Amino acid sequence: MKKIKMKFFSLICMMFMVVSMFAMPEKIHAAGLSVSASSGTIYVGDSVNFTVSASNGAGNINISGAVSDSVWLDNSSKSYNVTGSQPGTITISASGVIADYDSEKDINVSDSATVTVIARPSEKPSNNGGSTNTQPEQPKQETPKEEPKETKSSDSSLVSLGVSEGKLSPEFKAGTTSYKLNLPEGTKSINVSAKAKDGKASVSGTGKIEVKDGDNVINVTVTAEDGSTTVYTIKAYVQEKAVATLTMGDKKLNVFTNVKGAAIDNKAFEKTKIKINNTEVPAWKSEAQNITLLYLNGDDGNNFYIYDEKTQKVTSIYKPVGVLGQNLIIVNVPANLQTRSNMKFTTIEVDKVKFPGWTFEDESFKDFAIIYALDQNGKEVYYQYDSKEKTLQRFSNAAAISQEKYDAYVKEKENKEQTLMYVIYGLGAGCVVCLGLAGYFFFHGRKPKVKYKKVDIEKEDYENRFHIEKEDE
């Protein structure tokens, strides 16, 4: 019986222990952040290792102080090695927001660690009381410092390039090294000037340059301080002697047999030759457009001109240009087209290109103008130019009028039409009255008609009736 009781008591204790174990609350570890250092004190010149650790959570940690960094820690750590450069302290701080694994909540965390940096103690010679042989201090042999090598400039560009005659094409730019230059007939020499961007660079090929008729090549060489070079080339063409001179108004145009480089970018034209003053000269013809072109030289340089072979006269300039997305040809406006109502014939500048055209006299259209040109097919075209928006639009050639003036015009027209109707009504009424009066007088104003009847009467009765007395004989 006693043994049974002991076994029962043991069983109850075991059950109580098992229940207690399962009923015991689980220990929860909250997310945390820590910053630790491998040493609390170091000497100047020594290094110390800082470790930033995140536990039981993950998040982005910002590190500041002796180290600047941003790192993602997922229940992990990152170390940073820092060297003490001078006496003082080294501090690293860390802060951020990490998500707790257990509660799944974001927790703001922060921590820091500081290390003291001290000066390294100087070593003193030991003295044990015995005699010592003091050796004279050897002078320190200084290592000669290597002088830094001077870096030489490699800049071989120009800041200016100019000529005494003609005009460079295109305009000078430091990065452009090739130019064209047209010179008038009889030019024997020109002066070329240039200035290097770097004062230590040298320039050659400038000054007075001899030229001949036709093609000439002028090279201006810039040599940088380090020896590198850049060559600027000017291809100068001296106009040859004219074989004839034509006129267009008061403008004199010279004809040449050598028109090297002249070309028309239009498939409608074919290069040919025509005779002027019994001399064959180059020309370009378009049968479809019925246009003949000559490449002539005037005061404003070389250009194409329209030549009438029948009259043997130059009628207009012919200058292909591209402006605001349109390929147009500048030509002279015929005299019979120059006058337009309420407009002024003048020169219009569009995208730095000058066209003949018209401006409006009406202030409402002060930002607009009309230009005249030819299209690629040789047809006359009018374009309206908006100087404010910088746009071109085909012009219908209709008269332009502001809304205000249009309303006034419509009102005036209506008034005139109303007055005209009144006049018509008045004339109609007058005609009716006149016709009425004419009818009245026609029917009521005439004398009654007398009817006569022939009767036979005796002479005596006739004399008595009309009281005719006999005259005494």
Protein backbone atom coordinates (compact mmCIF):
# COMPACT_ATOMS: atom_id res chain seq x y z
CA MET A 1 0.00 0.00 0.00
CA LYS A 2 2.81 2.35 0.85
CA LYS A 3 4.52 1.64 -2.47
CA ILE A 4 1.31 2.40 -4.38
CA LYS A 5 1.03 5.80 -2.70
CA MET A 6 4.60 6.63 -3.55
CA LYS A 7 4.08 5.78 -7.22
CA PHE A 8 0.89 7.86 -7.34
CA PHE A 9 2.64 10.85 -5.77
CA SER A 10 5.51 10.59 -8.25
CA LEU A 11 3.07 10.51 -11.19
CA ILE A 12 1.31 13.69 -9.94
CA CYS A 13 4.66 15.51 -9.63
CA MET A 14 5.69 14.56 -13.12
CA MET A 15 2.39 15.78 -14.56
CA PHE A 16 2.73 19.08 -12.69
CA MET A 17 6.23 19.58 -14.06
CA VAL A 18 5.12 18.90 -17.66
CA VAL A 19 2.21 21.32 -17.35
CA SER A 20 4.48 23.95 -15.82
CA MET A 21 6.94 23.63 -18.67
CA PHE A 22 4.27 24.17 -21.34
CA ALA A 23 2.61 26.94 -19.39
CA MET A 24 5.86 28.93 -18.88
CA PRO A 25 5.84 32.12 -21.06
CA GLU A 26 8.31 32.23 -23.96
CA LYS A 27 11.12 34.70 -23.51
CA ILE A 28 10.93 37.52 -26.14
CA HIS A 29 14.01 39.25 -27.45
CA ALA A 30 13.28 42.79 -28.76
CA ALA A 31 15.09 44.15 -31.84
CA GLY A 32 18.13 46.26 -31.07
CA LEU A 33 21.13 48.15 -32.46
CA SER A 34 24.60 48.31 -30.95
CA VAL A 35 27.92 49.99 -31.78
CA SER A 36 31.09 48.54 -30.23
CA ALA A 37 34.82 49.28 -30.49
CA SER A 38 37.68 46.82 -30.32
CA SER A 39 39.53 49.09 -27.88
CA GLY A 40 38.62 51.99 -25.65
CA THR A 41 42.00 53.80 -26.04
CA ILE A 42 44.57 53.87 -28.84
CA TYR A 43 47.75 55.75 -29.68
CA VAL A 44 48.05 58.24 -32.49
CA GLY A 45 48.65 56.29 -35.67
CA ASP A 46 46.98 53.10 -34.43
CA SER A 47 43.71 51.75 -35.77
CA VAL A 48 40.56 50.67 -34.01
CA ASN A 49 37.73 48.50 -35.27
CA PHE A 50 34.10 49.64 -34.82
CA THR A 51 31.26 47.14 -35.27
CA VAL A 52 27.65 48.14 -35.92
CA SER A 53 25.20 45.29 -35.24
CA ALA A 54 21.45 44.84 -35.62
CA SER A 55 19.80 42.01 -33.66
CA ASN A 56 16.41 40.32 -34.02
CA GLY A 57 15.40 42.74 -36.80
CA ALA A 58 16.23 44.28 -40.16
CA GLY A 59 16.39 47.85 -41.45
CA ASN A 60 18.43 50.66 -42.99
CA ILE A 61 21.04 52.12 -40.63
CA ASN A 62 22.70 55.52 -41.08
CA ILE A 63 26.26 55.80 -39.73
CA SER A 64 27.90 59.14 -38.95
CA GLY A 65 30.90 60.57 -37.12
CA ALA A 66 34.33 59.20 -38.04
CA VAL A 67 32.59 57.15 -40.76
CA SER A 68 29.75 58.23 -43.04
CA ASP A 69 27.72 55.39 -44.50
CA SER A 70 24.23 53.96 -44.98
CA VAL A 71 23.86 50.19 -44.75
CA TRP A 72 21.08 47.57 -44.64
CA LEU A 73 21.46 45.22 -41.69
CA ASP A 74 19.34 42.07 -41.44
CA ASN A 75 20.18 40.59 -38.03
CA SER A 76 23.78 41.20 -39.09
CA SER A 77 26.70 43.54 -38.49
CA LYS A 78 29.29 45.61 -40.37
CA SER A 79 32.76 46.67 -39.24
CA TYR A 80 34.72 49.85 -39.92
CA ASN A 81 38.44 50.38 -39.37
CA VAL A 82 39.43 53.88 -38.27
CA THR A 83 42.95 55.26 -37.69
CA GLY A 84 43.60 57.85 -34.98
CA SER A 85 45.38 60.73 -36.66
CA GLN A 86 45.68 63.08 -33.68
CA PRO A 87 45.01 63.10 -29.95
CA GLY A 88 41.33 63.35 -29.03
CA THR A 89 38.38 61.05 -29.49
CA ILE A 90 36.88 59.01 -32.29
CA THR A 91 33.13 58.53 -32.22
CA ILE A 92 30.85 56.54 -34.48
CA SER A 93 27.07 56.91 -34.13
CA ALA A 94 24.41 54.73 -35.74
CA SER A 95 20.66 55.25 -35.98
CA GLY A 96 17.71 54.09 -38.03
CA VAL A 97 14.46 52.16 -38.08
CA ILE A 98 14.40 48.36 -38.00
CA ALA A 99 11.49 45.94 -38.15
CA ASP A 100 11.21 43.66 -35.11
CA TYR A 101 11.06 39.97 -36.07
CA ASP A 102 8.65 39.10 -33.23
CA SER A 103 6.27 42.04 -33.09
CA GLU A 104 6.64 42.98 -36.79
CA LYS A 105 6.70 46.62 -35.72
CA ASP A 106 9.14 49.34 -36.78
CA ILE A 107 11.41 50.44 -33.94
CA ASN A 108 13.61 53.54 -33.83
CA VAL A 109 17.06 52.50 -32.67
CA SER A 110 20.36 54.28 -32.11
CA ASP A 111 23.73 53.74 -30.41
CA SER A 112 27.28 55.08 -30.46
CA ALA A 113 30.79 54.23 -29.35
CA THR A 114 33.75 56.48 -28.52
CA VAL A 115 37.47 55.69 -28.49
CA THR A 116 40.11 57.94 -26.92
CA VAL A 117 43.24 58.70 -28.95
CA ILE A 118 46.38 59.63 -26.96
CA ALA A 119 49.86 60.71 -28.01
CA ARG A 120 52.41 57.98 -28.27
CA PRO A 121 55.04 58.29 -25.40
CA SER A 122 58.60 59.15 -26.49
CA GLU A 123 61.30 56.55 -25.74
CA LYS A 124 63.97 57.61 -23.14
CA PRO A 125 67.44 55.95 -22.94
CA SER A 126 67.83 53.70 -19.81
CA ASN A 127 70.58 54.60 -17.26
CA ASN A 128 71.65 51.77 -14.89
CA GLY A 129 74.38 53.83 -13.13
CA GLY A 130 77.25 52.36 -15.17
CA SER A 131 79.47 54.26 -17.47
CA THR A 132 78.31 54.64 -20.99
CA ASN A 133 80.15 55.62 -24.09
CA THR A 134 78.23 58.40 -25.70
CA GLN A 135 78.54 58.29 -29.43
CA PRO A 136 78.36 61.59 -31.21
CA GLU A 137 75.07 62.01 -32.97
CA GLN A 138 75.44 61.54 -36.68
CA PRO A 139 73.89 64.27 -38.71
CA LYS A 140 70.79 63.16 -40.57
CA GLN A 141 71.29 62.94 -44.26
CA GLU A 142 68.30 64.52 -45.90
CA THR A 143 66.90 62.84 -48.94
CA PRO A 144 66.81 65.35 -51.74
CA LYS A 145 63.25 66.20 -52.69
CA GLU A 146 62.34 65.50 -56.28
CA GLU A 147 61.18 68.66 -57.93
CA PRO A 148 57.70 68.21 -59.46
CA LYS A 149 57.81 68.03 -63.18
CA GLU A 150 56.20 71.04 -64.86
CA THR A 151 53.28 70.06 -67.05
CA LYS A 152 53.47 71.78 -70.40
CA SER A 153 50.34 73.07 -72.10
CA SER A 154 48.96 71.18 -75.08
CA ASP A 155 46.57 73.95 -76.14
CA SER A 156 47.18 74.69 -79.81
CA SER A 157 43.92 76.52 -80.62
CA LEU A 158 43.26 80.04 -81.85
CA VAL A 159 41.00 82.67 -80.36
CA SER A 160 40.94 84.76 -83.54
CA LEU A 161 41.66 84.42 -87.25
CA GLY A 162 41.16 87.24 -89.73
CA VAL A 163 41.99 88.47 -93.24
CA SER A 164 42.37 91.98 -94.66
CA GLU A 165 40.30 91.25 -97.80
CA GLY A 166 37.03 89.38 -98.20
CA LYS A 167 35.23 87.36 -95.55
CA LEU A 168 35.98 83.90 -94.16
CA SER A 169 33.32 81.26 -94.66
CA PRO A 170 32.15 79.98 -92.28
CA GLU A 171 32.69 82.54 -89.54
CA PHE A 172 35.68 81.78 -87.32
CA LYS A 173 35.29 79.27 -84.50
CA ALA A 174 38.19 77.77 -82.54
CA GLY A 175 37.06 74.23 -83.36
CA THR A 176 36.75 74.88 -87.12
CA THR A 177 40.05 74.50 -88.97
CA SER A 178 39.00 74.83 -92.65
CA TYR A 179 37.72 78.04 -94.29
CA LYS A 180 36.97 79.45 -97.75
CA LEU A 181 37.77 82.96 -98.96
CA ASN A 182 36.71 84.66 -102.19
CA LEU A 183 38.91 87.53 -103.31
CA PRO A 184 38.15 90.09 -106.04
CA GLU A 185 39.85 90.22 -109.39
CA GLY A 186 43.34 91.73 -109.31
CA THR A 187 44.13 90.80 -105.69
CA LYS A 188 47.89 90.17 -105.35
CA SER A 189 48.29 89.76 -101.59
CA ILE A 190 46.34 89.75 -98.30
CA ASN A 191 47.26 90.10 -94.63
CA VAL A 192 46.39 87.17 -92.37
CA SER A 193 46.17 87.71 -88.59
CA ALA A 194 45.78 85.10 -85.85
CA LYS A 195 46.07 84.91 -82.06
CA ALA A 196 46.69 81.76 -80.00
CA LYS A 197 44.54 81.02 -76.99
CA ASP A 198 47.58 80.02 -74.88
CA GLY A 199 50.18 82.73 -74.48
CA LYS A 200 52.94 80.09 -74.52
CA ALA A 201 51.90 78.75 -77.94
CA SER A 202 53.44 80.09 -81.16
CA VAL A 203 51.70 80.96 -84.46
CA SER A 204 53.19 80.80 -87.96
CA GLY A 205 51.80 81.48 -91.44
CA THR A 206 50.45 84.95 -90.71
CA GLY A 207 51.34 88.38 -92.07
CA LYS A 208 51.46 89.37 -95.74
CA ILE A 209 50.60 86.41 -98.00
CA GLU A 210 51.09 86.52 -101.80
CA VAL A 211 48.16 85.14 -103.85
CA LYS A 212 47.56 84.46 -107.56
CA ASP A 213 44.50 84.21 -109.77
CA GLY A 214 42.49 81.09 -109.08
CA ASP A 215 42.99 78.75 -106.13
CA ASN A 216 45.36 79.47 -103.22
CA VAL A 217 45.94 77.54 -99.98
CA ILE A 218 47.05 79.42 -96.84
CA ASN A 219 48.06 77.41 -93.75
CA VAL A 220 48.23 78.98 -90.29
CA THR A 221 50.01 76.64 -87.84
CA VAL A 222 49.66 76.86 -84.05
CA THR A 223 52.35 75.07 -82.01
CA ALA A 224 51.53 74.38 -78.35
CA GLU A 225 54.08 74.53 -75.52
CA ASP A 226 54.39 70.72 -75.54
CA GLY A 227 55.03 70.68 -79.30
CA SER A 228 51.59 69.56 -80.47
CA THR A 229 50.24 71.49 -83.47
CA THR A 230 46.95 72.48 -85.11
CA VAL A 231 46.77 73.72 -88.71
CA TYR A 232 44.07 76.19 -89.78
CA THR A 233 43.60 76.16 -93.58
CA ILE A 234 42.22 79.03 -95.69
CA LYS A 235 41.30 78.10 -99.28
CA ALA A 236 41.44 81.46 -101.05
CA TYR A 237 40.09 81.92 -104.56
CA VAL A 238 41.14 85.03 -106.50
CA GLN A 239 38.59 85.97 -109.15
CA GLU A 240 40.00 85.79 -112.65
CA LYS A 241 39.59 88.51 -115.26
CA ALA A 242 35.99 88.97 -116.40
CA VAL A 243 35.15 88.12 -120.02
CA ALA A 244 32.05 90.34 -119.96
CA THR A 245 30.08 92.67 -117.68
CA LEU A 246 26.29 92.55 -117.41
CA THR A 247 23.99 94.93 -115.57
CA MET A 248 20.86 94.54 -113.46
CA GLY A 249 19.52 97.97 -112.68
CA ASP A 250 22.50 99.96 -111.42
CA LYS A 251 24.33 96.78 -110.37
CA LYS A 252 27.35 95.57 -112.38
CA LEU A 253 27.86 91.82 -112.64
CA ASN A 254 31.03 90.20 -114.00
CA VAL A 255 31.01 87.07 -116.16
CA PHE A 256 33.82 84.50 -115.85
CA THR A 257 34.74 81.33 -117.65
CA ASN A 258 36.06 79.71 -114.45
CA VAL A 259 33.25 79.09 -111.94
CA LYS A 260 34.92 76.37 -109.92
CA GLY A 261 32.84 75.24 -106.99
CA ALA A 262 29.56 76.64 -108.32
CA ALA A 263 26.72 74.11 -108.27
CA ILE A 264 22.93 74.03 -108.10
CA ASP A 265 21.36 71.47 -105.77
CA ASN A 266 18.36 70.96 -108.02
CA LYS A 267 17.95 68.05 -110.46
CA ALA A 268 15.85 70.22 -112.76
CA PHE A 269 19.00 72.11 -113.85
CA GLU A 270 21.69 70.81 -116.17
CA LYS A 271 25.07 72.43 -116.63
CA THR A 272 25.74 73.69 -120.16
CA LYS A 273 27.43 76.57 -121.99
CA ILE A 274 26.06 79.68 -123.68
CA LYS A 275 27.74 82.48 -125.60
CA ILE A 276 28.12 85.98 -124.21
CA ASN A 277 30.13 88.46 -126.30
CA ASN A 278 31.13 85.55 -128.55
CA THR A 279 32.69 83.75 -125.57
CA GLU A 280 31.36 80.49 -124.17
CA VAL A 281 30.63 80.67 -120.45
CA PRO A 282 29.19 78.09 -118.02
CA ALA A 283 25.43 78.18 -117.49
CA TRP A 284 22.69 76.08 -115.90
CA LYS A 285 19.39 75.44 -117.68
CA SER A 286 16.01 74.06 -116.62
CA GLU A 287 13.74 73.32 -119.56
CA ALA A 288 10.84 72.53 -117.22
CA GLN A 289 11.10 75.87 -115.44
CA ASN A 290 12.27 77.81 -118.50
CA ILE A 291 15.12 79.33 -116.47
CA THR A 292 18.75 79.94 -117.43
CA LEU A 293 21.24 80.72 -114.66
CA LEU A 294 24.67 82.35 -114.72
CA TYR A 295 27.18 82.41 -111.86
CA LEU A 296 28.19 86.07 -111.65
CA ASN A 297 30.29 88.25 -109.41
CA GLY A 298 29.01 91.50 -107.93
CA ASP A 299 29.78 93.83 -105.06
CA ASP A 300 28.16 91.36 -102.65
CA GLY A 301 30.19 88.38 -103.93
CA ASN A 302 29.35 85.46 -106.19
CA ASN A 303 25.74 84.39 -106.74
CA PHE A 304 23.51 82.75 -109.30
CA TYR A 305 21.38 85.07 -111.45
CA ILE A 306 18.51 84.47 -113.87
CA TYR A 307 19.55 85.36 -117.43
CA ASP A 308 17.12 86.02 -120.28
CA GLU A 309 18.80 84.70 -123.43
CA LYS A 310 16.34 86.47 -125.73
CA THR A 311 16.88 89.96 -124.29
CA GLN A 312 20.43 89.08 -123.13
CA LYS A 313 19.71 90.69 -119.76
CA VAL A 314 19.98 89.64 -116.13
CA THR A 315 16.49 89.76 -114.61
CA SER A 316 16.90 88.57 -111.02
CA ILE A 317 19.14 87.06 -108.41
CA TYR A 318 18.63 83.30 -107.82
CA LYS A 319 19.70 82.32 -104.31
CA PRO A 320 18.60 78.95 -102.85
CA VAL A 321 18.17 79.09 -99.06
CA GLY A 322 16.71 76.95 -96.31
CA VAL A 323 14.69 78.78 -93.66
CA LEU A 324 12.41 77.45 -90.92
CA GLY A 325 12.02 74.08 -92.61
CA GLN A 326 11.31 75.48 -96.08
CA ASN A 327 13.59 75.27 -99.15
CA LEU A 328 13.04 78.54 -101.00
CA ILE A 329 14.79 80.58 -103.68
CA ILE A 330 15.33 84.30 -103.21
CA VAL A 331 14.48 86.24 -106.37
CA ASN A 332 13.65 89.84 -107.21
CA VAL A 333 9.98 90.81 -107.13
CA PRO A 334 8.78 91.98 -110.58
CA ALA A 335 7.95 95.70 -110.68
CA ASN A 336 4.28 95.07 -111.46
CA LEU A 337 3.90 93.00 -108.27
CA GLN A 338 5.63 95.34 -105.85
CA THR A 339 2.58 97.51 -105.12
CA ARG A 340 -0.06 96.02 -102.80
CA SER A 341 -2.97 97.80 -101.13
CA ASN A 342 -2.41 98.82 -97.50
CA MET A 343 1.10 97.28 -97.54
CA LYS A 344 4.65 98.59 -97.79
CA PHE A 345 7.25 96.95 -100.06
CA THR A 346 10.51 96.40 -98.15
CA THR A 347 13.09 93.80 -97.06
CA ILE A 348 12.02 91.14 -94.54
CA GLU A 349 14.58 89.27 -92.42
CA VAL A 350 13.61 85.66 -91.69
CA ASP A 351 15.99 83.54 -89.62
CA LYS A 352 18.89 85.88 -90.57
CA VAL A 353 18.02 85.59 -94.29
CA LYS A 354 16.75 88.66 -96.15
CA PHE A 355 13.75 88.33 -98.49
CA PRO A 356 11.88 90.91 -100.54
CA GLY A 357 8.39 91.33 -99.16
CA TRP A 358 5.77 93.53 -97.59
CA THR A 359 4.75 94.76 -94.15
CA PHE A 360 1.18 95.69 -93.21
CA GLU A 361 0.22 99.31 -92.64
CA ASP A 362 -2.43 98.17 -90.17
CA GLU A 363 -0.92 98.11 -86.66
CA SER A 364 -3.01 95.04 -85.89
CA PHE A 365 -0.62 93.08 -88.15
CA LYS A 366 2.67 94.57 -86.92
CA ASP A 367 4.04 91.08 -86.06
CA PHE A 368 3.33 89.74 -89.55
CA ALA A 369 4.89 90.20 -92.97
CA ILE A 370 4.62 88.65 -96.45
CA ILE A 371 7.67 87.34 -98.32
CA TYR A 372 8.01 86.52 -102.01
CA ALA A 373 10.13 83.65 -103.36
CA LEU A 374 10.24 80.69 -105.73
CA ASP A 375 9.77 77.08 -104.71
CA GLN A 376 11.95 74.22 -105.96
CA ASN A 377 9.75 73.92 -109.06
CA GLY A 378 10.30 77.56 -110.01
CA LYS A 379 6.77 78.66 -109.08
CA GLU A 380 6.02 81.95 -107.33
CA VAL A 381 5.05 81.48 -103.68
CA TYR A 382 3.99 83.85 -100.93
CA TYR A 383 4.59 83.09 -97.28
CA GLN A 384 3.29 84.86 -94.20
CA TYR A 385 6.02 85.30 -91.57
CA ASP A 386 5.14 85.57 -87.88
CA SER A 387 8.07 87.46 -86.33
CA LYS A 388 6.83 86.72 -82.81
CA GLU A 389 6.40 82.95 -83.16
CA LYS A 390 9.18 82.63 -85.81
CA THR A 391 7.01 80.60 -88.18
CA LEU A 392 6.26 80.56 -91.92
CA GLN A 393 2.86 79.72 -93.39
CA ARG A 394 1.64 79.66 -96.97
CA PHE A 395 -0.17 82.92 -97.75
CA SER A 396 -3.42 82.75 -99.70
CA ASN A 397 -2.74 86.14 -101.31
CA ALA A 398 -6.06 87.39 -99.97
CA ALA A 399 -6.28 90.89 -98.51
CA ALA A 400 -5.62 90.93 -94.80
CA ILE A 401 -7.96 92.93 -92.58
CA SER A 402 -8.39 93.06 -88.81
CA GLN A 403 -11.65 92.00 -87.17
CA GLU A 404 -12.27 95.57 -86.02
CA LYS A 405 -11.88 96.97 -89.52
CA TYR A 406 -13.85 94.10 -90.98
CA ASP A 407 -16.76 94.82 -88.62
CA ALA A 408 -16.58 98.51 -89.56
CA TYR A 409 -16.47 97.57 -93.23
CA VAL A 410 -19.52 95.28 -92.88
CA LYS A 411 -21.44 97.97 -91.00
CA GLU A 412 -20.56 100.60 -93.59
CA LYS A 413 -21.58 98.23 -96.36
CA GLU A 414 -24.88 97.51 -94.66
CA ASN A 415 -25.52 101.25 -94.24
CA LYS A 416 -24.74 101.85 -97.91
CA GLU A 417 -26.99 98.99 -98.96
CA GLN A 418 -29.79 100.33 -96.75
CA THR A 419 -29.39 103.84 -98.20
CA LEU A 420 -29.39 102.38 -101.71
CA MET A 421 -32.62 100.53 -100.95
CA TYR A 422 -34.21 103.74 -99.71
CA VAL A 423 -33.17 105.45 -102.95
CA ILE A 424 -34.56 102.56 -105.00
CA TYR A 425 -37.82 102.63 -103.03
CA GLY A 426 -38.03 106.40 -103.51
CA LEU A 427 -37.39 106.16 -107.21
CA GLY A 428 -39.96 103.42 -107.50
CA ALA A 429 -42.55 105.46 -105.65
CA GLY A 430 -41.75 108.49 -107.82
CA CYS A 431 -42.18 106.44 -110.96
CA VAL A 432 -45.55 105.20 -109.75
CA VAL A 433 -46.72 108.76 -109.01
CA CYS A 434 -45.52 109.99 -112.40
CA LEU A 435 -47.28 107.17 -114.19
CA GLY A 436 -50.46 107.92 -112.25
CA LEU A 437 -50.37 111.59 -113.14
CA ALA A 438 -49.64 110.82 -116.76
CA GLY A 439 -52.63 108.51 -116.90
CA TYR A 440 -54.91 111.02 -115.27
CA PHE A 441 -54.04 113.81 -117.69
CA PHE A 442 -54.20 111.41 -120.58
CA PHE A 443 -57.74 110.34 -119.85
CA HIS A 444 -59.27 113.50 -118.31
CA GLY A 445 -57.42 116.44 -119.79
CA ARG A 446 -58.13 116.06 -123.56
CA LYS A 447 -60.92 118.08 -125.53
CA PRO A 448 -64.15 116.35 -126.61
CA LYS A 449 -64.12 115.08 -130.17
CA VAL A 450 -66.41 117.05 -132.68
CA LYS A 451 -68.18 115.07 -135.33
CA TYR A 452 -69.01 116.77 -138.67
CA LYS A 453 -71.84 115.92 -141.08
CA LYS A 454 -71.91 116.97 -144.74
CA VAL A 455 -75.20 118.66 -145.86
CA ASP A 456 -76.23 120.41 -149.09
CA ILE A 457 -77.35 124.00 -148.68
CA GLU A 458 -78.10 126.75 -151.06
CA LYS A 459 -75.79 129.68 -151.49
CA GLU A 460 -78.32 132.11 -150.10
CA ASP A 461 -78.93 130.00 -147.11
CA TYR A 462 -75.20 129.74 -146.61
CA GLU A 463 -74.81 133.52 -146.69
CA ASN A 464 -77.68 134.11 -144.38
CA ARG A 465 -76.49 131.45 -141.92
CA PHE A 466 -73.03 132.85 -141.72
CA HIS A 467 -74.03 136.51 -142.19
CA ILE A 468 -72.03 137.05 -145.33
CA GLU A 469 -72.74 140.45 -146.89
CA LYS A 470 -72.20 141.29 -150.44
CA GLU A 471 -69.55 143.85 -151.07
CA ASP A 472 -70.38 146.86 -153.11
CA GLU A 473 -68.87 146.68 -156.47
